[in-house]
Amino acid sequence: MSRNTALVVGASGIVGRNLSKLLVESDWAVYGLARRPIEQTGVLPVAADLLSPESLASALIDIAPTHVFLATWMRQPTELENIRVNSAMVRNLLEAVSYSHSVQHTALVTGLKHYLGPFESYGKGVLPATPFREEQPRLPVDNFYYAQEDEVFAAAARDGFTWSVHRPHTIIGYAVGNAMNMGVTLAAYATICRETGRPFLFPGSAKQWNSLTDMTDATQLAKHLRWASTTPAAYNQAFNIVNGDVFRWSWMWSRLAEYFGLTPAPFPGEGTPLETQLADAATIWQTIAAKYNLAEPNLSTLISPWHTDADLGRPIEVVTDMSKSRKLGFLDYQPTDDSFFALFDQLRSARLIP
């Protein structure tokens, strides 16, 4: 068999860097595309602008990927702009690789906003019942995830490749400067609480505190992407992908506090958002970084409180069904508290938290 060649789009992000690592370890040839590629062992960097067809054509002229993994997006001020920009990114990329006639499979990473709606109408209106299942129809609202899917479907029909769509819940994984990094955000928040004596207070809603939920380890997602792109039974299908366990934040918050040597504050009924709690934390983090000789003194590079607040502030239960993948043979499982602890250990090793 010829060697698989992956083009990982968004290789510097939380999904792309973990996927690239797994594929290199699996003896794939891996190209990592980003506007500003990071150095990764075994990954060939490709610098390109997804909004510039000319940039993509030049960067990809000598690359013939067998598998394309789309794991990036650009946040815009409105959902209509999200649709325009993010669908164009997918369309431009798939047109750029079309000339090689080499692509066998394209995998698109979206998320549970497929079921919950975009940020403008997040968790509002009539929503499908939980646990979310893949056969539930699209919501009758504008959603850039739907537009991205439609670009993949159109390119697959044109070029004859197979596809898969992957819908993770909140992702836990190592990334710096990423918009959706709850694990890093909570690690920085816990560190600030420990150093200043502030209460370690759950910032979300009572519904999230008390309801069942789940999450997705970035390595679990990477394994799922590799599986669906090489398993014929999984071709041309959409999948949920989570760790496989369920928990309540009322339990998980104590687990996180224990790791950092903290006593969790009693939940007062409604949390105070992290954007409010951390509004004055930039100079505090600079002091902490100097005290412990940390690698990143700029707190805004590490954390994304707005996205963590969006996830933890949901007014509805969010739990995901994985039966479809299980029936087709994907049986990997990852305890979510272990995912957090492994990430925190990695952040300490990289001197990003003390």
Protein backbone atom coordinates (compact mmCIF):
# COMPACT_ATOMS: atom_id res chain seq x y z
CA MET A 1 0.00 0.00 0.00
CA SER A 2 1.16 3.52 -0.75
CA ARG A 3 1.73 5.80 2.20
CA ASN A 4 -1.14 8.06 3.26
CA THR A 5 -0.41 11.77 2.87
CA ALA A 6 -2.35 14.15 5.10
CA LEU A 7 -2.93 17.85 4.64
CA VAL A 8 -3.96 19.15 8.07
CA VAL A 9 -5.59 22.56 7.68
CA GLY A 10 -5.32 24.52 10.90
CA ALA A 11 -2.25 22.60 12.01
CA SER A 12 -1.28 25.09 14.70
CA GLY A 13 -4.63 24.85 16.51
CA ILE A 14 -5.87 22.62 19.29
CA VAL A 15 -7.25 20.01 16.86
CA GLY A 16 -4.65 20.26 14.13
CA ARG A 17 -1.54 19.97 16.25
CA ASN A 18 -2.85 16.91 18.13
CA LEU A 19 -4.02 15.28 14.88
CA SER A 20 -0.70 15.97 13.18
CA LYS A 21 1.18 14.35 16.06
CA LEU A 22 -0.99 11.21 15.92
CA LEU A 23 -0.67 10.87 12.15
CA VAL A 24 3.12 11.24 12.26
CA GLU A 25 3.21 8.52 14.91
CA SER A 26 1.02 6.41 12.59
CA ASP A 27 3.61 6.74 9.76
CA TRP A 28 1.64 9.16 7.63
CA ALA A 29 3.32 11.88 5.61
CA VAL A 30 1.90 15.05 7.15
CA TYR A 31 1.72 18.60 5.80
CA GLY A 32 0.55 21.21 8.28
CA LEU A 33 -1.12 24.27 6.77
CA ALA A 34 -1.58 27.48 8.73
CA ARG A 35 -1.10 31.19 8.22
CA ARG A 36 1.83 30.94 10.61
CA PRO A 37 2.85 27.28 10.88
CA ILE A 38 4.40 26.09 14.12
CA GLU A 39 7.36 23.73 14.29
CA GLN A 40 6.24 20.15 14.90
CA THR A 41 8.34 17.03 14.71
CA GLY A 42 7.71 15.18 11.46
CA VAL A 43 5.27 17.78 10.08
CA LEU A 44 6.11 19.65 6.87
CA PRO A 45 4.95 23.27 7.31
CA VAL A 46 2.80 24.96 4.67
CA ALA A 47 2.17 28.70 5.03
CA ALA A 48 -0.93 29.92 3.21
CA ASP A 49 -3.94 32.20 3.54
CA LEU A 50 -7.20 30.29 3.15
CA LEU A 51 -8.95 33.44 1.93
CA SER A 52 -6.47 33.82 -0.94
CA PRO A 53 -6.84 31.31 -3.78
CA GLU A 54 -3.53 32.55 -5.20
CA SER A 55 -1.73 31.90 -1.91
CA LEU A 56 -3.19 28.38 -1.71
CA ALA A 57 -2.39 27.54 -5.33
CA SER A 58 1.23 28.56 -4.85
CA ALA A 59 1.66 26.80 -1.49
CA LEU A 60 0.04 23.51 -2.58
CA ILE A 61 1.36 23.19 -6.14
CA ASP A 62 3.75 20.35 -5.31
CA ILE A 63 1.59 18.63 -2.67
CA ALA A 64 -0.73 15.73 -3.52
CA PRO A 65 -2.61 14.79 -0.34
CA THR A 66 -4.63 11.60 -0.08
CA HIS A 67 -6.49 12.92 2.96
CA VAL A 68 -7.54 16.47 3.85
CA PHE A 69 -8.45 17.39 7.42
CA LEU A 70 -10.23 20.74 7.88
CA ALA A 71 -9.85 21.93 11.46
CA THR A 72 -9.92 25.71 11.42
CA TRP A 73 -12.29 28.67 11.42
CA MET A 74 -12.17 32.46 11.76
CA ARG A 75 -14.56 34.21 14.13
CA GLN A 76 -16.50 37.11 12.60
CA PRO A 77 -18.79 39.74 14.16
CA THR A 78 -22.01 38.25 12.73
CA GLU A 79 -23.14 34.81 11.66
CA LEU A 80 -23.68 35.95 8.08
CA GLU A 81 -20.04 37.02 8.03
CA ASN A 82 -19.05 33.72 9.64
CA ILE A 83 -20.82 31.95 6.80
CA ARG A 84 -19.23 34.09 4.08
CA VAL A 85 -15.68 33.82 5.42
CA ASN A 86 -15.61 30.25 6.70
CA SER A 87 -17.35 28.71 3.71
CA ALA A 88 -14.92 30.55 1.42
CA MET A 89 -11.98 29.08 3.35
CA VAL A 90 -13.25 25.53 2.80
CA ARG A 91 -14.16 26.19 -0.83
CA ASN A 92 -10.80 27.78 -1.66
CA LEU A 93 -8.84 24.95 -0.05
CA LEU A 94 -10.73 22.17 -1.79
CA GLU A 95 -10.46 23.94 -5.13
CA ALA A 96 -6.71 24.32 -4.60
CA VAL A 97 -6.18 20.58 -4.03
CA SER A 98 -8.60 19.57 -6.79
CA TYR A 99 -5.98 19.88 -9.55
CA SER A 100 -3.90 16.99 -8.17
CA HIS A 101 -6.78 14.48 -8.35
CA SER A 102 -5.15 12.82 -5.33
CA VAL A 103 -7.68 13.40 -2.54
CA GLN A 104 -9.42 10.23 -1.41
CA HIS A 105 -11.13 11.56 1.74
CA THR A 106 -11.88 14.91 3.37
CA ALA A 107 -12.76 15.22 7.06
CA LEU A 108 -14.40 18.37 8.44
CA VAL A 109 -14.37 19.25 12.16
CA THR A 110 -17.35 21.31 13.32
CA GLY A 111 -19.01 20.94 16.73
CA LEU A 112 -22.17 20.90 18.80
CA LYS A 113 -23.27 24.30 17.56
CA HIS A 114 -24.69 22.12 14.81
CA TYR A 115 -27.40 21.28 17.38
CA LEU A 116 -27.23 24.37 19.62
CA GLY A 117 -27.12 27.11 16.99
CA PRO A 118 -24.48 29.80 16.38
CA PHE A 119 -23.28 32.25 19.01
CA GLU A 120 -25.95 34.81 18.03
CA SER A 121 -28.74 32.38 18.99
CA TYR A 122 -26.76 29.96 21.14
CA GLY A 123 -28.97 27.54 23.06
CA LYS A 124 -32.12 29.54 22.28
CA GLY A 125 -35.38 28.70 20.58
CA VAL A 126 -36.55 25.15 19.89
CA LEU A 127 -33.60 22.77 20.19
CA PRO A 128 -33.38 19.02 19.60
CA ALA A 129 -33.70 16.74 22.61
CA THR A 130 -30.59 15.46 24.34
CA PRO A 131 -28.58 13.39 23.97
CA PHE A 132 -27.80 14.90 20.57
CA ARG A 133 -27.86 12.35 17.76
CA GLU A 134 -26.49 12.74 14.26
CA GLU A 135 -29.79 12.08 12.51
CA GLN A 136 -31.40 15.14 14.10
CA PRO A 137 -32.07 17.75 11.37
CA ARG A 138 -30.38 21.09 10.98
CA LEU A 139 -31.87 24.01 12.89
CA PRO A 140 -33.81 26.58 10.82
CA VAL A 141 -31.16 29.27 11.43
CA ASP A 142 -28.07 30.56 9.66
CA ASN A 143 -25.06 28.52 10.76
CA PHE A 144 -21.57 28.55 9.29
CA TYR A 145 -21.13 24.85 10.15
CA TYR A 146 -23.90 24.04 7.67
CA ALA A 147 -22.24 26.21 5.02
CA GLN A 148 -18.90 24.46 5.56
CA GLU A 149 -20.57 21.06 5.26
CA ASP A 150 -22.23 22.09 2.01
CA GLU A 151 -18.85 23.12 0.54
CA VAL A 152 -17.41 19.71 1.40
CA PHE A 153 -20.42 17.90 -0.07
CA ALA A 154 -20.18 19.92 -3.30
CA ALA A 155 -16.45 19.30 -3.70
CA ALA A 156 -16.90 15.58 -2.98
CA ALA A 157 -19.53 15.35 -5.71
CA ARG A 158 -17.24 17.20 -8.11
CA ASP A 159 -13.98 15.36 -7.36
CA GLY A 160 -15.18 11.94 -6.25
CA PHE A 161 -13.65 11.76 -2.76
CA THR A 162 -15.40 10.45 0.36
CA TRP A 163 -16.03 12.66 3.39
CA SER A 164 -16.77 12.64 7.11
CA VAL A 165 -18.03 15.34 9.48
CA HIS A 166 -16.93 15.30 13.13
CA ARG A 167 -18.86 17.10 15.86
CA PRO A 168 -16.90 17.27 19.12
CA HIS A 169 -18.13 18.82 22.33
CA THR A 170 -15.80 21.27 24.13
CA ILE A 171 -12.25 20.15 23.33
CA ILE A 172 -9.56 19.59 25.97
CA GLY A 173 -6.06 19.78 24.56
CA TYR A 174 -2.77 21.61 24.41
CA ALA A 175 -2.76 24.82 22.37
CA VAL A 176 -1.52 28.35 22.87
CA GLY A 177 -3.29 31.31 21.28
CA ASN A 178 -6.34 29.24 20.41
CA ALA A 179 -9.85 30.65 20.69
CA MET A 180 -11.40 27.50 22.13
CA ASN A 181 -9.12 26.31 24.91
CA MET A 182 -11.20 25.80 28.05
CA GLY A 183 -8.55 23.61 29.67
CA VAL A 184 -5.81 26.25 29.42
CA THR A 185 -8.22 28.98 30.48
CA LEU A 186 -9.28 27.08 33.60
CA ALA A 187 -5.66 26.24 34.44
CA ALA A 188 -4.71 29.92 34.34
CA TYR A 189 -7.81 30.84 36.35
CA ALA A 190 -7.03 28.24 39.03
CA THR A 191 -3.44 29.47 39.21
CA ILE A 192 -4.59 33.07 39.72
CA CYS A 193 -7.02 31.96 42.45
CA ARG A 194 -4.30 30.03 44.24
CA GLU A 195 -1.77 32.87 44.04
CA THR A 196 -4.17 35.66 45.04
CA GLY A 197 -6.46 33.86 47.43
CA ARG A 198 -9.50 34.54 45.28
CA PRO A 199 -12.32 31.98 45.53
CA PHE A 200 -12.23 29.25 42.88
CA LEU A 201 -15.78 29.90 41.75
CA PHE A 202 -17.58 28.00 39.00
CA PRO A 203 -18.33 30.72 36.44
CA GLY A 204 -21.26 29.10 34.66
CA SER A 205 -24.97 28.53 34.95
CA ALA A 206 -26.90 26.47 37.49
CA LYS A 207 -28.04 24.24 34.63
CA GLN A 208 -24.46 23.37 33.73
CA TRP A 209 -23.50 22.92 37.37
CA ASN A 210 -26.24 20.37 37.97
CA SER A 211 -26.83 18.68 34.60
CA LEU A 212 -24.98 15.85 32.94
CA THR A 213 -22.49 16.83 30.27
CA ASP A 214 -19.48 15.48 28.37
CA MET A 215 -16.32 16.75 26.64
CA THR A 216 -13.85 15.73 23.93
CA ASP A 217 -10.14 15.09 24.42
CA ALA A 218 -8.13 16.41 21.45
CA THR A 219 -6.35 13.05 21.16
CA GLN A 220 -9.69 11.23 21.18
CA LEU A 221 -10.85 13.48 18.36
CA ALA A 222 -7.61 12.83 16.45
CA LYS A 223 -8.13 9.06 16.74
CA HIS A 224 -11.70 9.47 15.51
CA LEU A 225 -10.55 11.49 12.51
CA ARG A 226 -7.96 8.86 11.59
CA TRP A 227 -10.53 6.08 12.03
CA ALA A 228 -13.29 7.65 9.94
CA SER A 229 -10.90 8.59 7.14
CA THR A 230 -9.63 5.01 6.78
CA THR A 231 -12.73 2.93 7.58
CA PRO A 232 -15.04 2.39 4.57
CA ALA A 233 -18.09 1.86 6.78
CA ALA A 234 -17.63 5.38 8.12
CA TYR A 235 -17.36 7.14 4.76
CA ASN A 236 -19.86 9.84 3.81
CA GLN A 237 -21.31 10.19 7.30
CA ALA A 238 -21.47 12.71 10.13
CA PHE A 239 -20.45 11.70 13.65
CA ASN A 240 -20.53 13.01 17.18
CA ILE A 241 -17.25 12.49 19.02
CA VAL A 242 -16.85 12.75 22.80
CA ASN A 243 -14.77 10.96 25.42
CA GLY A 244 -17.44 8.43 26.35
CA ASP A 245 -17.99 9.37 29.99
CA VAL A 246 -20.54 11.81 31.43
CA PHE A 247 -20.18 14.00 34.50
CA ARG A 248 -21.66 16.96 36.34
CA TRP A 249 -19.61 20.11 36.83
CA SER A 250 -20.57 19.98 40.51
CA TRP A 251 -18.27 16.92 40.64
CA MET A 252 -15.64 17.95 38.08
CA TRP A 253 -15.04 21.35 39.66
CA SER A 254 -13.87 19.65 42.86
CA ARG A 255 -11.55 17.41 40.84
CA LEU A 256 -9.95 20.43 39.17
CA ALA A 257 -9.63 22.27 42.47
CA GLU A 258 -7.90 19.27 44.04
CA TYR A 259 -5.28 19.21 41.29
CA PHE A 260 -4.31 22.83 42.04
CA GLY A 261 -4.47 22.44 45.81
CA LEU A 262 -7.59 24.58 46.09
CA THR A 263 -10.83 24.33 48.01
CA PRO A 264 -13.67 25.02 45.58
CA ALA A 265 -15.97 27.86 46.52
CA PRO A 266 -19.60 26.90 47.17
CA PHE A 267 -21.72 27.47 44.10
CA PRO A 268 -23.96 30.49 44.82
CA GLY A 269 -26.70 29.57 42.34
CA GLU A 270 -25.33 31.52 39.38
CA GLY A 271 -21.70 31.93 38.54
CA THR A 272 -19.80 35.11 37.70
CA PRO A 273 -18.43 34.91 34.14
CA LEU A 274 -14.68 34.58 33.71
CA GLU A 275 -14.59 37.67 31.51
CA THR A 276 -15.70 39.60 34.61
CA GLN A 277 -13.54 37.70 37.10
CA LEU A 278 -10.40 38.02 34.98
CA ALA A 279 -10.92 41.58 33.73
CA ASP A 280 -8.06 42.84 35.93
CA ALA A 281 -5.87 39.73 35.69
CA ALA A 282 -3.34 40.76 33.03
CA THR A 283 -0.96 42.44 35.46
CA ILE A 284 -1.55 39.71 38.06
CA TRP A 285 -0.44 37.11 35.50
CA GLN A 286 2.67 39.13 34.65
CA THR A 287 3.62 39.02 38.32
CA ILE A 288 2.98 35.27 38.50
CA ALA A 289 4.97 34.70 35.29
CA ALA A 290 7.94 36.64 36.67
CA LYS A 291 7.78 34.84 40.03
CA TYR A 292 7.84 31.36 38.45
CA ASN A 293 9.79 32.20 35.27
CA LEU A 294 6.89 31.16 33.04
CA ALA A 295 7.22 31.06 29.26
CA GLU A 296 4.21 33.30 28.51
CA PRO A 297 3.62 36.49 30.53
CA ASN A 298 0.77 37.67 28.28
CA LEU A 299 -2.45 36.26 29.73
CA SER A 300 -4.50 37.06 26.62
CA THR A 301 -2.30 34.70 24.61
CA LEU A 302 -3.23 31.81 26.91
CA ILE A 303 -6.90 32.20 27.75
CA SER A 304 -10.24 32.56 25.97
CA PRO A 305 -12.69 33.47 28.75
CA TRP A 306 -15.48 34.45 26.32
CA HIS A 307 -15.60 30.94 24.85
CA THR A 308 -15.35 29.21 28.22
CA ASP A 309 -18.18 31.43 29.49
CA ALA A 310 -20.29 30.49 26.46
CA ASP A 311 -19.83 26.79 27.13
CA LEU A 312 -20.27 26.89 30.91
CA GLY A 313 -23.11 29.41 30.78
CA ARG A 314 -25.49 27.36 28.65
CA PRO A 315 -29.05 27.33 30.00
CA ILE A 316 -29.69 23.78 28.76
CA GLU A 317 -28.31 20.29 29.30
CA VAL A 318 -25.72 19.30 26.70
CA VAL A 319 -24.86 15.62 26.36
CA THR A 320 -23.94 13.69 23.24
CA ASP A 321 -24.77 10.24 21.88
CA MET A 322 -21.88 8.17 20.48
CA SER A 323 -23.85 5.06 19.43
CA LYS A 324 -23.27 5.56 15.73
CA SER A 325 -19.48 5.39 16.02
CA ARG A 326 -19.63 2.52 18.52
CA LYS A 327 -21.77 0.42 16.19
CA LEU A 328 -19.23 0.94 13.39
CA GLY A 329 -16.25 -0.05 15.54
CA PHE A 330 -14.81 3.08 17.15
CA LEU A 331 -14.50 1.97 20.78
CA ASP A 332 -11.86 4.34 22.24
CA TYR A 333 -12.69 5.85 25.63
CA GLN A 334 -11.10 8.64 27.66
CA PRO A 335 -12.04 9.74 31.21
CA THR A 336 -12.48 13.50 31.12
CA ASP A 337 -10.85 14.25 34.46
CA ASP A 338 -7.75 12.40 33.23
CA SER A 339 -7.83 14.60 30.12
CA PHE A 340 -7.72 17.72 32.26
CA PHE A 341 -4.91 16.37 34.45
CA ALA A 342 -2.80 15.31 31.45
CA LEU A 343 -3.23 18.78 29.94
CA PHE A 344 -2.29 20.50 33.21
CA ASP A 345 0.83 18.33 33.47
CA GLN A 346 1.76 19.30 29.92
CA LEU A 347 1.23 22.99 30.67
CA ARG A 348 3.53 22.71 33.67
CA SER A 349 6.15 20.89 31.62
CA ALA A 350 6.03 23.71 29.05
CA ARG A 351 6.30 26.33 31.85
CA LEU A 352 2.96 27.86 30.95
CA ILE A 353 1.62 27.42 34.49
CA PRO A 354 3.66 27.00 37.69
